[in-house]
Amino acid sequence: MEEELPALHALIERYGNVPMSLADACLVRMAERTGLSICTLDFDFTVYRVHGRNPLHLISPPGYRNLHQP
Protein backbone atom coordinates (compact mmCIF):
# COMPACT_ATOMS: atom_id res chain seq x y z
CA MET A 1 0.00 0.00 0.00
CA GLU A 2 2.92 2.33 0.66
CA GLU A 3 3.62 2.80 -3.05
CA GLU A 4 -0.04 3.72 -3.62
CA LEU A 5 -0.19 6.38 -0.87
CA PRO A 6 0.43 9.35 -3.21
CA ALA A 7 -2.35 8.22 -5.56
CA LEU A 8 -4.71 7.53 -2.65
CA HIS A 9 -3.98 10.92 -1.13
CA ALA A 10 -4.64 12.61 -4.48
CA LEU A 11 -8.02 10.86 -4.78
CA ILE A 12 -9.03 11.81 -1.25
CA GLU A 13 -8.05 15.44 -1.92
CA ARG A 14 -9.89 15.51 -5.28
CA TYR A 15 -13.11 14.21 -3.73
CA GLY A 16 -12.85 16.06 -0.40
CA ASN A 17 -16.31 17.54 -0.90
CA VAL A 18 -17.96 14.07 -1.03
CA PRO A 19 -15.98 13.16 1.30
CA MET A 20 -14.04 10.10 0.14
CA SER A 21 -12.92 7.60 2.77
CA LEU A 22 -9.66 5.67 2.60
CA ALA A 23 -11.66 2.52 1.82
CA ASP A 24 -13.42 4.26 -1.09
CA ALA A 25 -10.09 5.59 -2.37
CA CYS A 26 -8.61 2.08 -2.27
CA LEU A 27 -11.51 0.70 -4.31
CA VAL A 28 -11.28 3.49 -6.88
CA ARG A 29 -7.51 3.01 -7.13
CA MET A 30 -7.91 -0.75 -7.60
CA ALA A 31 -10.46 -0.07 -10.35
CA GLU A 32 -7.95 2.29 -12.00
CA ARG A 33 -5.21 -0.34 -11.88
CA THR A 34 -7.28 -3.38 -12.85
CA GLY A 35 -10.27 -2.10 -14.85
CA LEU A 36 -12.57 -4.23 -12.69
CA SER A 37 -16.10 -3.26 -11.67
CA ILE A 38 -17.07 -2.20 -8.16
CA CYS A 39 -20.05 -3.79 -6.44
CA THR A 40 -21.61 -1.21 -4.13
CA LEU A 41 -24.73 0.23 -2.57
CA ASP A 42 -23.00 3.56 -1.92
CA PHE A 43 -24.23 6.33 -4.23
CA ASP A 44 -20.92 8.23 -3.82
CA PHE A 45 -19.34 5.87 -6.33
CA THR A 46 -21.43 7.46 -9.10
CA VAL A 47 -19.41 10.67 -8.49
CA TYR A 48 -15.93 9.10 -8.50
CA ARG A 49 -14.01 8.82 -11.76
CA VAL A 50 -11.27 6.49 -12.98
CA HIS A 51 -8.14 8.38 -14.07
CA GLY A 52 -9.97 11.63 -13.31
CA ARG A 53 -12.55 11.52 -16.10
CA ASN A 54 -14.10 8.10 -16.78
CA PRO A 55 -17.02 6.85 -14.69
CA LEU A 56 -16.52 3.66 -12.75
CA HIS A 57 -18.26 0.51 -13.91
CA LEU A 58 -20.60 -0.21 -11.01
CA ILE A 59 -22.56 -3.28 -10.09
CA SER A 60 -25.49 -2.09 -7.99
CA PRO A 61 -29.23 -2.60 -7.77
CA PRO A 62 -31.52 -0.22 -9.65
CA GLY A 63 -32.75 2.69 -7.57
CA TYR A 64 -30.07 2.43 -4.88
CA ARG A 65 -29.43 5.54 -2.78
CA ASN A 66 -26.68 7.11 -0.75
CA LEU A 67 -26.10 5.04 2.40
CA HIS A 68 -25.16 8.24 4.27
CA GLN A 69 -28.70 9.58 3.99
CA PRO A 70 -31.48 8.49 6.38
C-alpha atoms as a PDB file:
ATOM      1  CA  MET A   1       0.000   0.000   0.000  1.00  0.00           C
ATOM      2  CA  GLU A   2       2.919   2.332   0.659  1.00  0.00           C
ATOM      3  CA  GLU A   3       3.620   2.800  -3.049  1.00  0.00           C
ATOM      4  CA  GLU A   4      -0.040   3.725  -3.617  1.00  0.00           C
ATOM      5  CA  LEU A   5      -0.190   6.384  -0.871  1.00  0.00           C
ATOM      6  CA  PRO A   6       0.430   9.350  -3.211  1.00  0.00           C
ATOM      7  CA  ALA A   7      -2.352   8.221  -5.564  1.00  0.00           C
ATOM      8  CA  LEU A   8      -4.715   7.531  -2.651  1.00  0.00           C
ATOM      9  CA  HIS A   9      -3.978  10.920  -1.132  1.00  0.00           C
ATOM     10  CA  ALA A  10      -4.645  12.614  -4.479  1.00  0.00           C
ATOM     11  CA  LEU A  11      -8.017  10.857  -4.783  1.00  0.00           C
ATOM     12  CA  ILE A  12      -9.034  11.812  -1.249  1.00  0.00           C
ATOM     13  CA  GLU A  13      -8.051  15.441  -1.921  1.00  0.00           C
ATOM     14  CA  ARG A  14      -9.890  15.508  -5.279  1.00  0.00           C
ATOM     15  CA  TYR A  15     -13.113  14.210  -3.730  1.00  0.00           C
ATOM     16  CA  GLY A  16     -12.845  16.060  -0.403  1.00  0.00           C
ATOM     17  CA  ASN A  17     -16.308  17.538  -0.902  1.00  0.00           C
ATOM     18  CA  VAL A  18     -17.963  14.069  -1.029  1.00  0.00           C
ATOM     19  CA  PRO A  19     -15.976  13.164   1.303  1.00  0.00           C
ATOM     20  CA  MET A  20     -14.041  10.097   0.142  1.00  0.00           C
ATOM     21  CA  SER A  21     -12.919   7.596   2.769  1.00  0.00           C
ATOM     22  CA  LEU A  22      -9.657   5.669   2.595  1.00  0.00           C
ATOM     23  CA  ALA A  23     -11.661   2.517   1.821  1.00  0.00           C
ATOM     24  CA  ASP A  24     -13.420   4.262  -1.092  1.00  0.00           C
ATOM     25  CA  ALA A  25     -10.087   5.594  -2.369  1.00  0.00           C
ATOM     26  CA  CYS A  26      -8.614   2.076  -2.265  1.00  0.00           C
ATOM     27  CA  LEU A  27     -11.512   0.698  -4.308  1.00  0.00           C
ATOM     28  CA  VAL A  28     -11.276   3.486  -6.883  1.00  0.00           C
ATOM     29  CA  ARG A  29      -7.511   3.007  -7.126  1.00  0.00           C
ATOM     30  CA  MET A  30      -7.909  -0.755  -7.597  1.00  0.00           C
ATOM     31  CA  ALA A  31     -10.461  -0.068 -10.350  1.00  0.00           C
ATOM     32  CA  GLU A  32      -7.950   2.288 -11.997  1.00  0.00           C
ATOM     33  CA  ARG A  33      -5.211  -0.335 -11.881  1.00  0.00           C
ATOM     34  CA  THR A  34      -7.281  -3.382 -12.854  1.00  0.00           C
ATOM     35  CA  GLY A  35     -10.267  -2.102 -14.845  1.00  0.00           C
ATOM     36  CA  LEU A  36     -12.570  -4.228 -12.693  1.00  0.00           C
ATOM     37  CA  SER A  37     -16.102  -3.262 -11.671  1.00  0.00           C
ATOM     38  CA  ILE A  38     -17.071  -2.204  -8.158  1.00  0.00           C
ATOM     39  CA  CYS A  39     -20.051  -3.792  -6.442  1.00  0.00           C
ATOM     40  CA  THR A  40     -21.605  -1.213  -4.130  1.00  0.00           C
ATOM     41  CA  LEU A  41     -24.729   0.228  -2.573  1.00  0.00           C
ATOM     42  CA  ASP A  42     -22.998   3.564  -1.923  1.00  0.00           C
ATOM     43  CA  PHE A  43     -24.230   6.332  -4.227  1.00  0.00           C
ATOM     44  CA  ASP A  44     -20.920   8.227  -3.819  1.00  0.00           C
ATOM     45  CA  PHE A  45     -19.336   5.872  -6.327  1.00  0.00           C
ATOM     46  CA  THR A  46     -21.427   7.463  -9.097  1.00  0.00           C
ATOM     47  CA  VAL A  47     -19.413  10.666  -8.486  1.00  0.00           C
ATOM     48  CA  TYR A  48     -15.932   9.099  -8.499  1.00  0.00           C
ATOM     49  CA  ARG A  49     -14.005   8.818 -11.758  1.00  0.00           C
ATOM     50  CA  VAL A  50     -11.268   6.493 -12.980  1.00  0.00           C
ATOM     51  CA  HIS A  51      -8.142   8.377 -14.067  1.00  0.00           C
ATOM     52  CA  GLY A  52      -9.968  11.630 -13.308  1.00  0.00           C
ATOM     53  CA  ARG A  53     -12.548  11.523 -16.098  1.00  0.00           C
ATOM     54  CA  ASN A  54     -14.095   8.098 -16.781  1.00  0.00           C
ATOM     55  CA  PRO A  55     -17.016   6.854 -14.690  1.00  0.00           C
ATOM     56  CA  LEU A  56     -16.518   3.655 -12.747  1.00  0.00           C
ATOM     57  CA  HIS A  57     -18.258   0.512 -13.905  1.00  0.00           C
ATOM     58  CA  LEU A  58     -20.602  -0.208 -11.009  1.00  0.00           C
ATOM     59  CA  ILE A  59     -22.562  -3.280 -10.092  1.00  0.00           C
ATOM     60  CA  SER A  60     -25.487  -2.088  -7.989  1.00  0.00           C
ATOM     61  CA  PRO A  61     -29.229  -2.602  -7.769  1.00  0.00           C
ATOM     62  CA  PRO A  62     -31.519  -0.222  -9.653  1.00  0.00           C
ATOM     63  CA  GLY A  63     -32.752   2.695  -7.571  1.00  0.00           C
ATOM     64  CA  TYR A  64     -30.072   2.433  -4.877  1.00  0.00           C
ATOM     65  CA  ARG A  65     -29.425   5.539  -2.775  1.00  0.00           C
ATOM     66  CA  ASN A  66     -26.677   7.108  -0.754  1.00  0.00           C
ATOM     67  CA  LEU A  67     -26.101   5.040   2.403  1.00  0.00           C
ATOM     68  CA  HIS A  68     -25.160   8.238   4.266  1.00  0.00           C
ATOM     69  CA  GLN A  69     -28.705   9.577   3.989  1.00  0.00           C
ATOM     70  CA  PRO A  70     -31.484   8.486   6.381  1.00  0.00           C
END
